[in-house]
Full PDB file with SEQRES, HELIX, SHEET, SSBOND, CRYST1, ORIGX, SCALE, CONECT and MASTER records, all heavy atoms in Angstrom:
SEQRES   1 A   32  MET PHE ARG ILE ASP TYR LYS SER GLY LEU PRO ILE PHE          
SEQRES   2 A   32  GLU GLN ILE TYR ARG SER VAL VAL LYS LEU GLY ALA ALA          
SEQRES   3 A   32  GLY ALA PHE GLY GLU SER                                      
HELIX    1 AA1 ILE A   12  ALA A   25  1                                  14    
CRYST1    1.000    1.000    1.000  90.00  90.00  90.00 P 1           1          
ORIGX1      1.000000  0.000000  0.000000        0.00000                         
ORIGX2      0.000000  1.000000  0.000000        0.00000                         
ORIGX3      0.000000  0.000000  1.000000        0.00000                         
SCALE1      1.000000  0.000000  0.000000        0.00000                         
SCALE2      0.000000  1.000000  0.000000        0.00000                         
SCALE3      0.000000  0.000000  1.000000        0.00000                         
ATOM      1  N   MET A   1      71.941 265.870   4.047  1.00  0.00           N  
ATOM      2  CA  MET A   1      71.357 266.577   5.173  1.00  0.00           C  
ATOM      3  C   MET A   1      69.953 266.034   5.469  1.00  0.00           C  
ATOM      4  O   MET A   1      69.666 265.650   6.577  1.00  0.00           O  
ATOM      5  CB  MET A   1      71.307 268.076   4.861  1.00  0.00           C  
ATOM      6  CG  MET A   1      70.709 268.891   5.981  1.00  0.00           C  
ATOM      7  SD  MET A   1      70.683 270.661   5.674  1.00  0.00           S  
ATOM      8  CE  MET A   1      72.337 271.103   6.111  1.00  0.00           C  
ATOM      9  N   PHE A   2      69.101 265.992   4.468  1.00  0.00           N  
ATOM     10  CA  PHE A   2      67.750 265.477   4.648  1.00  0.00           C  
ATOM     11  C   PHE A   2      67.722 263.995   4.310  1.00  0.00           C  
ATOM     12  O   PHE A   2      68.488 263.530   3.469  1.00  0.00           O  
ATOM     13  CB  PHE A   2      66.768 266.203   3.712  1.00  0.00           C  
ATOM     14  CG  PHE A   2      66.636 267.668   3.987  1.00  0.00           C  
ATOM     15  CD1 PHE A   2      67.348 268.595   3.252  1.00  0.00           C  
ATOM     16  CD2 PHE A   2      65.784 268.134   4.973  1.00  0.00           C  
ATOM     17  CE1 PHE A   2      67.230 269.946   3.488  1.00  0.00           C  
ATOM     18  CE2 PHE A   2      65.658 269.481   5.223  1.00  0.00           C  
ATOM     19  CZ  PHE A   2      66.388 270.392   4.483  1.00  0.00           C  
ATOM     20  N   ARG A   3      66.817 263.276   4.991  1.00  0.00           N  
ATOM     21  CA  ARG A   3      66.630 261.857   4.696  1.00  0.00           C  
ATOM     22  C   ARG A   3      65.144 261.580   4.517  1.00  0.00           C  
ATOM     23  O   ARG A   3      64.323 262.103   5.259  1.00  0.00           O  
ATOM     24  CB  ARG A   3      67.147 260.997   5.842  1.00  0.00           C  
ATOM     25  CG  ARG A   3      68.516 260.454   5.553  1.00  0.00           C  
ATOM     26  CD  ARG A   3      68.885 259.388   6.536  1.00  0.00           C  
ATOM     27  NE  ARG A   3      69.965 259.950   7.350  1.00  0.00           N  
ATOM     28  CZ  ARG A   3      70.216 259.614   8.570  1.00  0.00           C  
ATOM     29  NH1 ARG A   3      69.487 258.737   9.182  1.00  0.00           N  
ATOM     30  NH2 ARG A   3      71.211 260.170   9.211  1.00  0.00           N  
ATOM     31  N   ILE A   4      64.848 260.721   3.552  1.00  0.00           N  
ATOM     32  CA  ILE A   4      63.469 260.330   3.289  1.00  0.00           C  
ATOM     33  C   ILE A   4      63.350 258.833   3.533  1.00  0.00           C  
ATOM     34  O   ILE A   4      64.178 258.049   3.074  1.00  0.00           O  
ATOM     35  CB  ILE A   4      63.066 260.651   1.828  1.00  0.00           C  
ATOM     36  CG1 ILE A   4      63.137 262.149   1.557  1.00  0.00           C  
ATOM     37  CG2 ILE A   4      61.668 260.126   1.525  1.00  0.00           C  
ATOM     38  CD1 ILE A   4      62.224 262.990   2.402  1.00  0.00           C  
ATOM     39  N   ASP A   5      62.306 258.446   4.240  1.00  0.00           N  
ATOM     40  CA  ASP A   5      62.014 257.035   4.485  1.00  0.00           C  
ATOM     41  C   ASP A   5      60.739 256.700   3.718  1.00  0.00           C  
ATOM     42  O   ASP A   5      59.650 257.085   4.113  1.00  0.00           O  
ATOM     43  CB  ASP A   5      61.822 256.781   5.987  1.00  0.00           C  
ATOM     44  CG  ASP A   5      61.502 255.332   6.298  1.00  0.00           C  
ATOM     45  OD1 ASP A   5      61.497 254.497   5.364  1.00  0.00           O  
ATOM     46  OD2 ASP A   5      61.257 255.035   7.479  1.00  0.00           O  
ATOM     47  N   TYR A   6      60.906 256.030   2.597  1.00  0.00           N  
ATOM     48  CA  TYR A   6      59.761 255.726   1.736  1.00  0.00           C  
ATOM     49  C   TYR A   6      58.822 254.691   2.349  1.00  0.00           C  
ATOM     50  O   TYR A   6      57.704 254.534   1.901  1.00  0.00           O  
ATOM     51  CB  TYR A   6      60.248 255.251   0.365  1.00  0.00           C  
ATOM     52  CG  TYR A   6      60.950 256.350  -0.400  1.00  0.00           C  
ATOM     53  CD1 TYR A   6      62.336 256.428  -0.442  1.00  0.00           C  
ATOM     54  CD2 TYR A   6      60.219 257.324  -1.057  1.00  0.00           C  
ATOM     55  CE1 TYR A   6      62.980 257.447  -1.121  1.00  0.00           C  
ATOM     56  CE2 TYR A   6      60.842 258.355  -1.740  1.00  0.00           C  
ATOM     57  CZ  TYR A   6      62.218 258.411  -1.779  1.00  0.00           C  
ATOM     58  OH  TYR A   6      62.843 259.427  -2.442  1.00  0.00           O  
ATOM     59  N   LYS A   7      59.267 254.005   3.390  1.00  0.00           N  
ATOM     60  CA  LYS A   7      58.439 252.992   4.038  1.00  0.00           C  
ATOM     61  C   LYS A   7      57.681 253.532   5.248  1.00  0.00           C  
ATOM     62  O   LYS A   7      56.916 252.816   5.867  1.00  0.00           O  
ATOM     63  CB  LYS A   7      59.317 251.809   4.478  1.00  0.00           C  
ATOM     64  CG  LYS A   7      59.966 251.091   3.325  1.00  0.00           C  
ATOM     65  CD  LYS A   7      60.852 249.969   3.809  1.00  0.00           C  
ATOM     66  CE  LYS A   7      61.558 249.317   2.653  1.00  0.00           C  
ATOM     67  NZ  LYS A   7      62.452 248.245   3.100  1.00  0.00           N  
ATOM     68  N   SER A   8      57.891 254.802   5.597  1.00  0.00           N  
ATOM     69  CA  SER A   8      57.319 255.338   6.831  1.00  0.00           C  
ATOM     70  C   SER A   8      55.809 255.567   6.758  1.00  0.00           C  
ATOM     71  O   SER A   8      55.151 255.614   7.775  1.00  0.00           O  
ATOM     72  CB  SER A   8      58.000 256.651   7.206  1.00  0.00           C  
ATOM     73  OG  SER A   8      57.513 257.702   6.400  1.00  0.00           O  
ATOM     74  N   GLY A   9      55.292 255.751   5.565  1.00  0.00           N  
ATOM     75  CA  GLY A   9      53.868 256.049   5.448  1.00  0.00           C  
ATOM     76  C   GLY A   9      53.571 257.533   5.521  1.00  0.00           C  
ATOM     77  O   GLY A   9      52.461 257.961   5.223  1.00  0.00           O  
ATOM     78  N   LEU A  10      54.548 258.332   5.933  1.00  0.00           N  
ATOM     79  CA  LEU A  10      54.377 259.785   5.962  1.00  0.00           C  
ATOM     80  C   LEU A  10      54.657 260.347   4.578  1.00  0.00           C  
ATOM     81  O   LEU A  10      55.607 259.930   3.923  1.00  0.00           O  
ATOM     82  CB  LEU A  10      55.379 260.431   6.929  1.00  0.00           C  
ATOM     83  CG  LEU A  10      55.002 260.522   8.392  1.00  0.00           C  
ATOM     84  CD1 LEU A  10      56.168 261.121   9.178  1.00  0.00           C  
ATOM     85  CD2 LEU A  10      53.768 261.350   8.593  1.00  0.00           C  
ATOM     86  N   PRO A  11      53.852 261.303   4.126  1.00  0.00           N  
ATOM     87  CA  PRO A  11      54.134 261.926   2.833  1.00  0.00           C  
ATOM     88  C   PRO A  11      55.531 262.563   2.835  1.00  0.00           C  
ATOM     89  O   PRO A  11      56.014 263.023   3.876  1.00  0.00           O  
ATOM     90  CB  PRO A  11      53.056 262.998   2.701  1.00  0.00           C  
ATOM     91  CG  PRO A  11      51.977 262.605   3.650  1.00  0.00           C  
ATOM     92  CD  PRO A  11      52.650 261.842   4.757  1.00  0.00           C  
ATOM     93  N   ILE A  12      56.148 262.609   1.685  1.00  0.00           N  
ATOM     94  CA  ILE A  12      57.510 263.132   1.579  1.00  0.00           C  
ATOM     95  C   ILE A  12      57.573 264.584   2.031  1.00  0.00           C  
ATOM     96  O   ILE A  12      58.488 264.977   2.744  1.00  0.00           O  
ATOM     97  CB  ILE A  12      58.046 262.962   0.145  1.00  0.00           C  
ATOM     98  CG1 ILE A  12      58.202 261.471  -0.157  1.00  0.00           C  
ATOM     99  CG2 ILE A  12      59.368 263.693  -0.037  1.00  0.00           C  
ATOM    100  CD1 ILE A  12      58.529 261.152  -1.596  1.00  0.00           C  
ATOM    101  N   PHE A  13      56.573 265.400   1.655  1.00  0.00           N  
ATOM    102  CA  PHE A  13      56.611 266.805   2.063  1.00  0.00           C  
ATOM    103  C   PHE A  13      56.554 266.944   3.581  1.00  0.00           C  
ATOM    104  O   PHE A  13      57.186 267.819   4.157  1.00  0.00           O  
ATOM    105  CB  PHE A  13      55.503 267.625   1.393  1.00  0.00           C  
ATOM    106  CG  PHE A  13      54.109 267.319   1.873  1.00  0.00           C  
ATOM    107  CD1 PHE A  13      53.570 267.995   2.948  1.00  0.00           C  
ATOM    108  CD2 PHE A  13      53.338 266.354   1.238  1.00  0.00           C  
ATOM    109  CE1 PHE A  13      52.286 267.714   3.396  1.00  0.00           C  
ATOM    110  CE2 PHE A  13      52.061 266.074   1.671  1.00  0.00           C  
ATOM    111  CZ  PHE A  13      51.529 266.752   2.750  1.00  0.00           C  
ATOM    112  N   GLU A  14      55.833 266.048   4.254  1.00  0.00           N  
ATOM    113  CA  GLU A  14      55.754 266.071   5.719  1.00  0.00           C  
ATOM    114  C   GLU A  14      57.098 265.677   6.328  1.00  0.00           C  
ATOM    115  O   GLU A  14      57.521 266.236   7.338  1.00  0.00           O  
ATOM    116  CB  GLU A  14      54.654 265.129   6.198  1.00  0.00           C  
ATOM    117  CG  GLU A  14      54.492 265.068   7.696  1.00  0.00           C  
ATOM    118  CD  GLU A  14      53.907 266.322   8.312  1.00  0.00           C  
ATOM    119  OE1 GLU A  14      53.178 267.057   7.613  1.00  0.00           O  
ATOM    120  OE2 GLU A  14      54.194 266.590   9.492  1.00  0.00           O  
ATOM    121  N   GLN A  15      57.774 264.719   5.716  1.00  0.00           N  
ATOM    122  CA  GLN A  15      59.097 264.321   6.203  1.00  0.00           C  
ATOM    123  C   GLN A  15      60.101 265.462   6.044  1.00  0.00           C  
ATOM    124  O   GLN A  15      60.931 265.693   6.926  1.00  0.00           O  
ATOM    125  CB  GLN A  15      59.590 263.078   5.460  1.00  0.00           C  
ATOM    126  CG  GLN A  15      58.790 261.824   5.787  1.00  0.00           C  
ATOM    127  CD  GLN A  15      59.348 260.601   5.102  1.00  0.00           C  
ATOM    128  OE1 GLN A  15      60.545 260.335   5.177  1.00  0.00           O  
ATOM    129  NE2 GLN A  15      58.489 259.857   4.425  1.00  0.00           N  
ATOM    130  N   ILE A  16      60.014 266.190   4.937  1.00  0.00           N  
ATOM    131  CA  ILE A  16      60.893 267.341   4.729  1.00  0.00           C  
ATOM    132  C   ILE A  16      60.578 268.414   5.761  1.00  0.00           C  
ATOM    133  O   ILE A  16      61.486 268.996   6.368  1.00  0.00           O  
ATOM    134  CB  ILE A  16      60.758 267.884   3.291  1.00  0.00           C  
ATOM    135  CG1 ILE A  16      61.258 266.839   2.284  1.00  0.00           C  
ATOM    136  CG2 ILE A  16      61.512 269.212   3.137  1.00  0.00           C  
ATOM    137  CD1 ILE A  16      60.926 267.149   0.835  1.00  0.00           C  
ATOM    138  N   TYR A  17      59.297 268.663   5.997  1.00  0.00           N  
ATOM    139  CA  TYR A  17      58.869 269.644   7.001  1.00  0.00           C  
ATOM    140  C   TYR A  17      59.483 269.302   8.356  1.00  0.00           C  
ATOM    141  O   TYR A  17      60.102 270.138   9.007  1.00  0.00           O  
ATOM    142  CB  TYR A  17      57.342 269.637   7.079  1.00  0.00           C  
ATOM    143  CG  TYR A  17      56.745 270.608   8.074  1.00  0.00           C  
ATOM    144  CD1 TYR A  17      56.168 271.787   7.640  1.00  0.00           C  
ATOM    145  CD2 TYR A  17      56.731 270.342   9.441  1.00  0.00           C  
ATOM    146  CE1 TYR A  17      55.594 272.688   8.537  1.00  0.00           C  
ATOM    147  CE2 TYR A  17      56.180 271.232  10.351  1.00  0.00           C  
ATOM    148  CZ  TYR A  17      55.605 272.397   9.893  1.00  0.00           C  
ATOM    149  OH  TYR A  17      55.051 273.290  10.781  1.00  0.00           O  
ATOM    150  N   ARG A  18      59.314 268.062   8.768  1.00  0.00           N  
ATOM    151  CA  ARG A  18      59.842 267.632  10.074  1.00  0.00           C  
ATOM    152  C   ARG A  18      61.362 267.704  10.127  1.00  0.00           C  
ATOM    153  O   ARG A  18      61.937 268.044  11.155  1.00  0.00           O  
ATOM    154  CB  ARG A  18      59.367 266.215  10.386  1.00  0.00           C  
ATOM    155  CG  ARG A  18      57.889 266.145  10.674  1.00  0.00           C  
ATOM    156  CD  ARG A  18      57.446 264.747  10.984  1.00  0.00           C  
ATOM    157  NE  ARG A  18      56.018 264.697  11.250  1.00  0.00           N  
ATOM    158  CZ  ARG A  18      55.419 263.693  11.842  1.00  0.00           C  
ATOM    159  NH1 ARG A  18      56.102 262.634  12.233  1.00  0.00           N  
ATOM    160  NH2 ARG A  18      54.115 263.722  12.050  1.00  0.00           N  
ATOM    161  N   SER A  19      62.014 267.386   9.024  1.00  0.00           N  
ATOM    162  CA  SER A  19      63.477 267.463   8.979  1.00  0.00           C  
ATOM    163  C   SER A  19      63.959 268.892   9.165  1.00  0.00           C  
ATOM    164  O   SER A  19      64.931 269.129   9.885  1.00  0.00           O  
ATOM    165  CB  SER A  19      64.006 266.924   7.643  1.00  0.00           C  
ATOM    166  OG  SER A  19      63.820 265.543   7.545  1.00  0.00           O  
ATOM    167  N   VAL A  20      63.291 269.840   8.517  1.00  0.00           N  
ATOM    168  CA  VAL A  20      63.688 271.240   8.655  1.00  0.00           C  
ATOM    169  C   VAL A  20      63.532 271.683  10.104  1.00  0.00           C  
ATOM    170  O   VAL A  20      64.417 272.329  10.670  1.00  0.00           O  
ATOM    171  CB  VAL A  20      62.882 272.155   7.706  1.00  0.00           C  
ATOM    172  CG1 VAL A  20      63.094 273.630   8.042  1.00  0.00           C  
ATOM    173  CG2 VAL A  20      63.259 271.889   6.255  1.00  0.00           C  
ATOM    174  N   VAL A  21      62.422 271.325  10.721  1.00  0.00           N  
ATOM    175  CA  VAL A  21      62.192 271.706  12.116  1.00  0.00           C  
ATOM    176  C   VAL A  21      63.260 271.083  13.013  1.00  0.00           C  
ATOM    177  O   VAL A  21      63.858 271.763  13.858  1.00  0.00           O  
ATOM    178  CB  VAL A  21      60.776 271.303  12.575  1.00  0.00           C  
ATOM    179  CG1 VAL A  21      60.604 271.503  14.070  1.00  0.00           C  
ATOM    180  CG2 VAL A  21      59.722 272.099  11.811  1.00  0.00           C  
ATOM    181  N   LYS A  22      63.525 269.810  12.814  1.00  0.00           N  
ATOM    182  CA  LYS A  22      64.523 269.111  13.638  1.00  0.00           C  
ATOM    183  C   LYS A  22      65.925 269.683  13.422  1.00  0.00           C  
ATOM    184  O   LYS A  22      66.642 269.971  14.381  1.00  0.00           O  
ATOM    185  CB  LYS A  22      64.504 267.618  13.291  1.00  0.00           C  
ATOM    186  CG  LYS A  22      65.449 266.780  14.103  1.00  0.00           C  
ATOM    187  CD  LYS A  22      65.323 265.313  13.720  1.00  0.00           C  
ATOM    188  CE  LYS A  22      66.267 264.453  14.522  1.00  0.00           C  
ATOM    189  NZ  LYS A  22      66.162 263.039  14.157  1.00  0.00           N  
ATOM    190  N   LEU A  23      66.308 269.862  12.173  1.00  0.00           N  
ATOM    191  CA  LEU A  23      67.633 270.392  11.874  1.00  0.00           C  
ATOM    192  C   LEU A  23      67.771 271.845  12.325  1.00  0.00           C  
ATOM    193  O   LEU A  23      68.820 272.257  12.799  1.00  0.00           O  
ATOM    194  CB  LEU A  23      67.934 270.262  10.379  1.00  0.00           C  
ATOM    195  CG  LEU A  23      68.112 268.832   9.859  1.00  0.00           C  
ATOM    196  CD1 LEU A  23      68.112 268.813   8.335  1.00  0.00           C  
ATOM    197  CD2 LEU A  23      69.382 268.215  10.407  1.00  0.00           C  
ATOM    198  N   GLY A  24      66.696 272.608  12.178  1.00  0.00           N  
ATOM    199  CA  GLY A  24      66.717 273.994  12.634  1.00  0.00           C  
ATOM    200  C   GLY A  24      66.903 274.084  14.129  1.00  0.00           C  
ATOM    201  O   GLY A  24      67.664 274.914  14.631  1.00  0.00           O  
ATOM    202  N   ALA A  25      66.222 273.209  14.854  1.00  0.00           N  
ATOM    203  CA  ALA A  25      66.353 273.195  16.311  1.00  0.00           C  
ATOM    204  C   ALA A  25      67.761 272.790  16.734  1.00  0.00           C  
ATOM    205  O   ALA A  25      68.259 273.232  17.765  1.00  0.00           O  
ATOM    206  CB  ALA A  25      65.326 272.247  16.918  1.00  0.00           C  
ATOM    207  N   ALA A  26      68.406 271.979  15.914  1.00  0.00           N  
ATOM    208  CA  ALA A  26      69.755 271.518  16.230  1.00  0.00           C  
ATOM    209  C   ALA A  26      70.831 272.497  15.758  1.00  0.00           C  
ATOM    210  O   ALA A  26      72.013 272.278  15.998  1.00  0.00           O  
ATOM    211  CB  ALA A  26      69.992 270.151  15.598  1.00  0.00           C  
ATOM    212  N   GLY A  27      70.429 273.554  15.063  1.00  0.00           N  
ATOM    213  CA  GLY A  27      71.387 274.549  14.589  1.00  0.00           C  
ATOM    214  C   GLY A  27      72.128 274.153  13.330  1.00  0.00           C  
ATOM    215  O   GLY A  27      73.191 274.690  13.029  1.00  0.00           O  
ATOM    216  N   ALA A  28      71.570 273.229  12.552  1.00  0.00           N  
ATOM    217  CA  ALA A  28      72.245 272.719  11.365  1.00  0.00           C  
ATOM    218  C   ALA A  28      72.323 273.722  10.214  1.00  0.00           C  
ATOM    219  O   ALA A  28      73.083 273.513   9.275  1.00  0.00           O  
ATOM    220  CB  ALA A  28      71.548 271.451  10.880  1.00  0.00           C  
ATOM    221  N   PHE A  29      71.557 274.806  10.286  1.00  0.00           N  
ATOM    222  CA  PHE A  29      71.556 275.780   9.192  1.00  0.00           C  
ATOM    223  C   PHE A  29      72.476 276.969   9.463  1.00  0.00           C  
ATOM    224  O   PHE A  29      72.430 277.972   8.759  1.00  0.00           O  
ATOM    225  CB  PHE A  29      70.131 276.248   8.897  1.00  0.00           C  
ATOM    226  CG  PHE A  29      69.224 275.127   8.461  1.00  0.00           C  
ATOM    227  CD1 PHE A  29      68.138 274.769   9.233  1.00  0.00           C  
ATOM    228  CD2 PHE A  29      69.472 274.415   7.304  1.00  0.00           C  
ATOM    229  CE1 PHE A  29      67.297 273.731   8.847  1.00  0.00           C  
ATOM    230  CE2 PHE A  29      68.657 273.373   6.901  1.00  0.00           C  
ATOM    231  CZ  PHE A  29      67.559 273.028   7.680  1.00  0.00           C  
ATOM    232  N   GLY A  30      73.305 276.853  10.480  1.00  0.00           N  
ATOM    233  CA  GLY A  30      74.276 277.888  10.779  1.00  0.00           C  
ATOM    234  C   GLY A  30      73.658 279.144  11.363  1.00  0.00           C  
ATOM    235  O   GLY A  30      72.466 279.191  11.663  1.00  0.00           O  
ATOM    236  N   GLU A  31      74.497 280.163  11.519  1.00  0.00           N  
ATOM    237  CA  GLU A  31      74.052 281.407  12.137  1.00  0.00           C  
ATOM    238  C   GLU A  31      73.030 282.141  11.285  1.00  0.00           C  
ATOM    239  O   GLU A  31      72.129 282.789  11.798  1.00  0.00           O  
ATOM    240  CB  GLU A  31      75.247 282.318  12.412  1.00  0.00           C  
ATOM    241  CG  GLU A  31      76.066 281.873  13.595  1.00  0.00           C  
ATOM    242  CD  GLU A  31      77.143 282.888  13.943  1.00  0.00           C  
ATOM    243  OE1 GLU A  31      76.953 284.085  13.675  1.00  0.00           O  
ATOM    244  OE2 GLU A  31      78.162 282.456  14.483  1.00  0.00           O  
ATOM    245  N   SER A  32      73.186 282.052   9.967  1.00  0.00           N  
ATOM    246  CA  SER A  32      72.262 282.771   9.089  1.00  0.00           C  
ATOM    247  C   SER A  32      70.884 282.114   9.071  1.00  0.00           C  
ATOM    248  O   SER A  32      69.890 282.769   8.815  1.00  0.00           O  
ATOM    249  CB  SER A  32      72.816 282.818   7.661  1.00  0.00           C  
ATOM    250  OG  SER A  32      72.780 281.528   7.066  1.00  0.00           O  
TER     251      SER A  32                                                      
MASTER        0    0    0    1    0    0    0    6  250    1    0    3          
END                                                                             
């Protein structure tokens, strides 16, 4: 579900933060 790009220069926690926001906006976490 989540992907990390170690070459991006962004800290891993920031990448996770952005992934949650993106996936949440796309409805990836279901109805709950």
